[in-house]
Amino acid sequence: MDREEQAAAAEPKPPEDQDDTRAALANQIFTRLGGGMAGPGKRGREHKGDRVLTQSRPHRVIVERVDQEAAAVGMTRSDFIALCLARQLNLEQFAPVVPAQNGQEVLPLGRTA
């Protein structure tokens, strides 16, 4: 026996079902993380309508405040900014919907002040 054969013989051989065990583990992780694409009874994210990407570079203090306010009402930064713009421009019919808090519906309020 030469060195290569000895080395190959000395290496522990994995059990035949090791590949099956890895596949089962990967399947469990995949399932726990959401299972991939939407299937029967699962729907994807609802379409938000016609949107256009726009950019701005506000002062850091403004962004921090926007993030605080967005988190307080359960919105993303982008949706909160879109809501503020819609309210400022009196175009609230195009504003994103504010998520309900504590299972209560949000009342549609007009512009006040």
C-alpha atoms as a PDB file:
ATOM      1  CA  MET A   1       0.000   0.000   0.000  1.00  0.00           C
ATOM      2  CA  ASP A   2       1.385   3.394  -0.913  1.00  0.00           C
ATOM      3  CA  ARG A   3       0.883   6.577   1.122  1.00  0.00           C
ATOM      4  CA  GLU A   4      -2.190   7.768  -0.788  1.00  0.00           C
ATOM      5  CA  GLU A   5      -3.974   4.452  -0.261  1.00  0.00           C
ATOM      6  CA  GLN A   6      -3.035   4.474   3.425  1.00  0.00           C
ATOM      7  CA  ALA A   7      -4.306   8.031   3.828  1.00  0.00           C
ATOM      8  CA  ALA A   8      -7.559   7.172   2.050  1.00  0.00           C
ATOM      9  CA  ALA A   9      -8.030   4.081   4.201  1.00  0.00           C
ATOM     10  CA  ALA A  10      -7.314   6.040   7.402  1.00  0.00           C
ATOM     11  CA  GLU A  11      -9.900   8.752   6.697  1.00  0.00           C
ATOM     12  CA  PRO A  12     -13.204   8.121   8.434  1.00  0.00           C
ATOM     13  CA  LYS A  13     -15.940   7.429   5.948  1.00  0.00           C
ATOM     14  CA  PRO A  14     -19.175   9.351   6.476  1.00  0.00           C
ATOM     15  CA  PRO A  15     -22.307   7.310   7.052  1.00  0.00           C
ATOM     16  CA  GLU A  16     -24.298   6.690   3.915  1.00  0.00           C
ATOM     17  CA  ASP A  17     -27.219   8.714   5.226  1.00  0.00           C
ATOM     18  CA  GLN A  18     -25.120  11.810   6.059  1.00  0.00           C
ATOM     19  CA  ASP A  19     -26.208  13.498   2.845  1.00  0.00           C
ATOM     20  CA  ASP A  20     -29.835  12.743   3.742  1.00  0.00           C
ATOM     21  CA  THR A  21     -29.299  14.234   7.207  1.00  0.00           C
ATOM     22  CA  ARG A  22     -27.842  17.417   5.710  1.00  0.00           C
ATOM     23  CA  ALA A  23     -30.712  17.676   3.248  1.00  0.00           C
ATOM     24  CA  ALA A  24     -33.255  17.193   6.057  1.00  0.00           C
ATOM     25  CA  LEU A  25     -31.557  19.882   8.160  1.00  0.00           C
ATOM     26  CA  ALA A  26     -31.472  22.293   5.223  1.00  0.00           C
ATOM     27  CA  ASN A  27     -35.158  21.614   4.598  1.00  0.00           C
ATOM     28  CA  GLN A  28     -36.004  22.331   8.263  1.00  0.00           C
ATOM     29  CA  ILE A  29     -34.108  25.633   8.196  1.00  0.00           C
ATOM     30  CA  PHE A  30     -35.715  26.612   4.887  1.00  0.00           C
ATOM     31  CA  THR A  31     -39.180  25.847   6.252  1.00  0.00           C
ATOM     32  CA  ARG A  32     -38.602  27.787   9.493  1.00  0.00           C
ATOM     33  CA  LEU A  33     -37.419  30.833   7.562  1.00  0.00           C
ATOM     34  CA  GLY A  34     -40.625  31.082   5.600  1.00  0.00           C
ATOM     35  CA  GLY A  35     -40.420  28.373   3.001  1.00  0.00           C
ATOM     36  CA  GLY A  36     -39.532  30.462  -0.031  1.00  0.00           C
ATOM     37  CA  MET A  37     -42.076  31.576  -2.583  1.00  0.00           C
ATOM     38  CA  ALA A  38     -45.739  32.064  -1.873  1.00  0.00           C
ATOM     39  CA  GLY A  39     -47.761  28.906  -2.253  1.00  0.00           C
ATOM     40  CA  PRO A  40     -51.346  27.881  -1.639  1.00  0.00           C
ATOM     41  CA  GLY A  41     -52.821  29.960   1.167  1.00  0.00           C
ATOM     42  CA  LYS A  42     -49.791  32.281   1.227  1.00  0.00           C
ATOM     43  CA  ARG A  43     -49.852  35.614  -0.519  1.00  0.00           C
ATOM     44  CA  GLY A  44     -46.974  37.849  -1.370  1.00  0.00           C
ATOM     45  CA  ARG A  45     -46.683  41.457  -0.293  1.00  0.00           C
ATOM     46  CA  GLU A  46     -49.587  43.591  -1.459  1.00  0.00           C
ATOM     47  CA  HIS A  47     -48.860  45.919  -4.379  1.00  0.00           C
ATOM     48  CA  LYS A  48     -48.549  49.535  -3.266  1.00  0.00           C
ATOM     49  CA  GLY A  49     -49.544  51.055  -6.579  1.00  0.00           C
ATOM     50  CA  ASP A  50     -47.681  53.294  -8.997  1.00  0.00           C
ATOM     51  CA  ARG A  51     -44.471  54.468  -7.307  1.00  0.00           C
ATOM     52  CA  VAL A  52     -41.408  56.417  -8.415  1.00  0.00           C
ATOM     53  CA  LEU A  53     -38.008  56.261  -6.721  1.00  0.00           C
ATOM     54  CA  THR A  54     -36.822  59.685  -5.621  1.00  0.00           C
ATOM     55  CA  GLN A  55     -33.831  60.680  -3.550  1.00  0.00           C
ATOM     56  CA  SER A  56     -32.934  63.436  -1.136  1.00  0.00           C
ATOM     57  CA  ARG A  57     -30.034  64.162   1.192  1.00  0.00           C
ATOM     58  CA  PRO A  58     -31.536  65.790   4.292  1.00  0.00           C
ATOM     59  CA  HIS A  59     -29.524  66.727   7.355  1.00  0.00           C
ATOM     60  CA  ARG A  60     -28.693  63.794   9.647  1.00  0.00           C
ATOM     61  CA  VAL A  61     -30.865  65.224  12.437  1.00  0.00           C
ATOM     62  CA  ILE A  62     -33.886  65.189  10.112  1.00  0.00           C
ATOM     63  CA  VAL A  63     -33.283  61.568   9.137  1.00  0.00           C
ATOM     64  CA  GLU A  64     -32.946  60.529  12.780  1.00  0.00           C
ATOM     65  CA  ARG A  65     -36.252  62.236  13.595  1.00  0.00           C
ATOM     66  CA  VAL A  66     -37.952  60.665  10.568  1.00  0.00           C
ATOM     67  CA  ASP A  67     -36.733  57.228  11.684  1.00  0.00           C
ATOM     68  CA  GLN A  68     -38.050  57.822  15.222  1.00  0.00           C
ATOM     69  CA  GLU A  69     -41.444  58.974  14.004  1.00  0.00           C
ATOM     70  CA  ALA A  70     -41.723  56.163  11.437  1.00  0.00           C
ATOM     71  CA  ALA A  71     -40.900  53.548  14.066  1.00  0.00           C
ATOM     72  CA  ALA A  72     -43.447  55.060  16.451  1.00  0.00           C
ATOM     73  CA  VAL A  73     -46.269  54.487  13.963  1.00  0.00           C
ATOM     74  CA  GLY A  74     -44.894  51.196  12.609  1.00  0.00           C
ATOM     75  CA  MET A  75     -43.908  52.401   9.143  1.00  0.00           C
ATOM     76  CA  THR A  76     -40.782  52.187   7.046  1.00  0.00           C
ATOM     77  CA  ARG A  77     -38.765  55.333   6.479  1.00  0.00           C
ATOM     78  CA  SER A  78     -39.817  55.401   2.834  1.00  0.00           C
ATOM     79  CA  ASP A  79     -43.536  55.055   3.580  1.00  0.00           C
ATOM     80  CA  PHE A  80     -43.368  57.678   6.345  1.00  0.00           C
ATOM     81  CA  ILE A  81     -41.673  60.184   4.030  1.00  0.00           C
ATOM     82  CA  ALA A  82     -44.288  59.449   1.350  1.00  0.00           C
ATOM     83  CA  LEU A  83     -47.019  60.057   3.959  1.00  0.00           C
ATOM     84  CA  CYS A  84     -45.463  63.394   5.002  1.00  0.00           C
ATOM     85  CA  LEU A  85     -45.151  64.523   1.388  1.00  0.00           C
ATOM     86  CA  ALA A  86     -48.736  63.546   0.592  1.00  0.00           C
ATOM     87  CA  ARG A  87     -50.020  65.448   3.628  1.00  0.00           C
ATOM     88  CA  GLN A  88     -47.914  68.526   2.876  1.00  0.00           C
ATOM     89  CA  LEU A  89     -49.072  68.600  -0.751  1.00  0.00           C
ATOM     90  CA  ASN A  90     -52.705  67.931   0.156  1.00  0.00           C
ATOM     91  CA  LEU A  91     -52.647  64.638  -1.799  1.00  0.00           C
ATOM     92  CA  GLU A  92     -53.567  62.278   1.032  1.00  0.00           C
ATOM     93  CA  GLN A  93     -55.484  59.982  -1.317  1.00  0.00           C
ATOM     94  CA  PHE A  94     -52.046  58.815  -2.526  1.00  0.00           C
ATOM     95  CA  ALA A  95     -50.530  58.436   0.942  1.00  0.00           C
ATOM     96  CA  PRO A  96     -49.526  55.019   2.300  1.00  0.00           C
ATOM     97  CA  VAL A  97     -51.860  53.532   4.879  1.00  0.00           C
ATOM     98  CA  VAL A  98     -50.752  53.985   8.476  1.00  0.00           C
ATOM     99  CA  PRO A  99     -50.744  50.567  10.199  1.00  0.00           C
ATOM    100  CA  ALA A 100     -53.392  50.026  12.872  1.00  0.00           C
ATOM    101  CA  GLN A 101     -52.120  50.216  16.448  1.00  0.00           C
ATOM    102  CA  ASN A 102     -53.212  47.610  19.020  1.00  0.00           C
ATOM    103  CA  GLY A 103     -55.711  46.050  16.651  1.00  0.00           C
ATOM    104  CA  GLN A 104     -57.597  49.318  16.269  1.00  0.00           C
ATOM    105  CA  GLU A 105     -58.316  50.851  12.897  1.00  0.00           C
ATOM    106  CA  VAL A 106     -56.883  54.210  11.972  1.00  0.00           C
ATOM    107  CA  LEU A 107     -59.497  56.903  11.489  1.00  0.00           C
ATOM    108  CA  PRO A 108     -59.213  58.846   8.236  1.00  0.00           C
ATOM    109  CA  LEU A 109     -58.420  62.368   9.407  1.00  0.00           C
ATOM    110  CA  GLY A 110     -58.212  65.337   7.114  1.00  0.00           C
ATOM    111  CA  ARG A 111     -55.514  67.930   7.264  1.00  0.00           C
ATOM    112  CA  THR A 112     -55.747  69.886  10.501  1.00  0.00           C
ATOM    113  CA  ALA A 113     -54.158  73.040  11.887  1.00  0.00           C
END
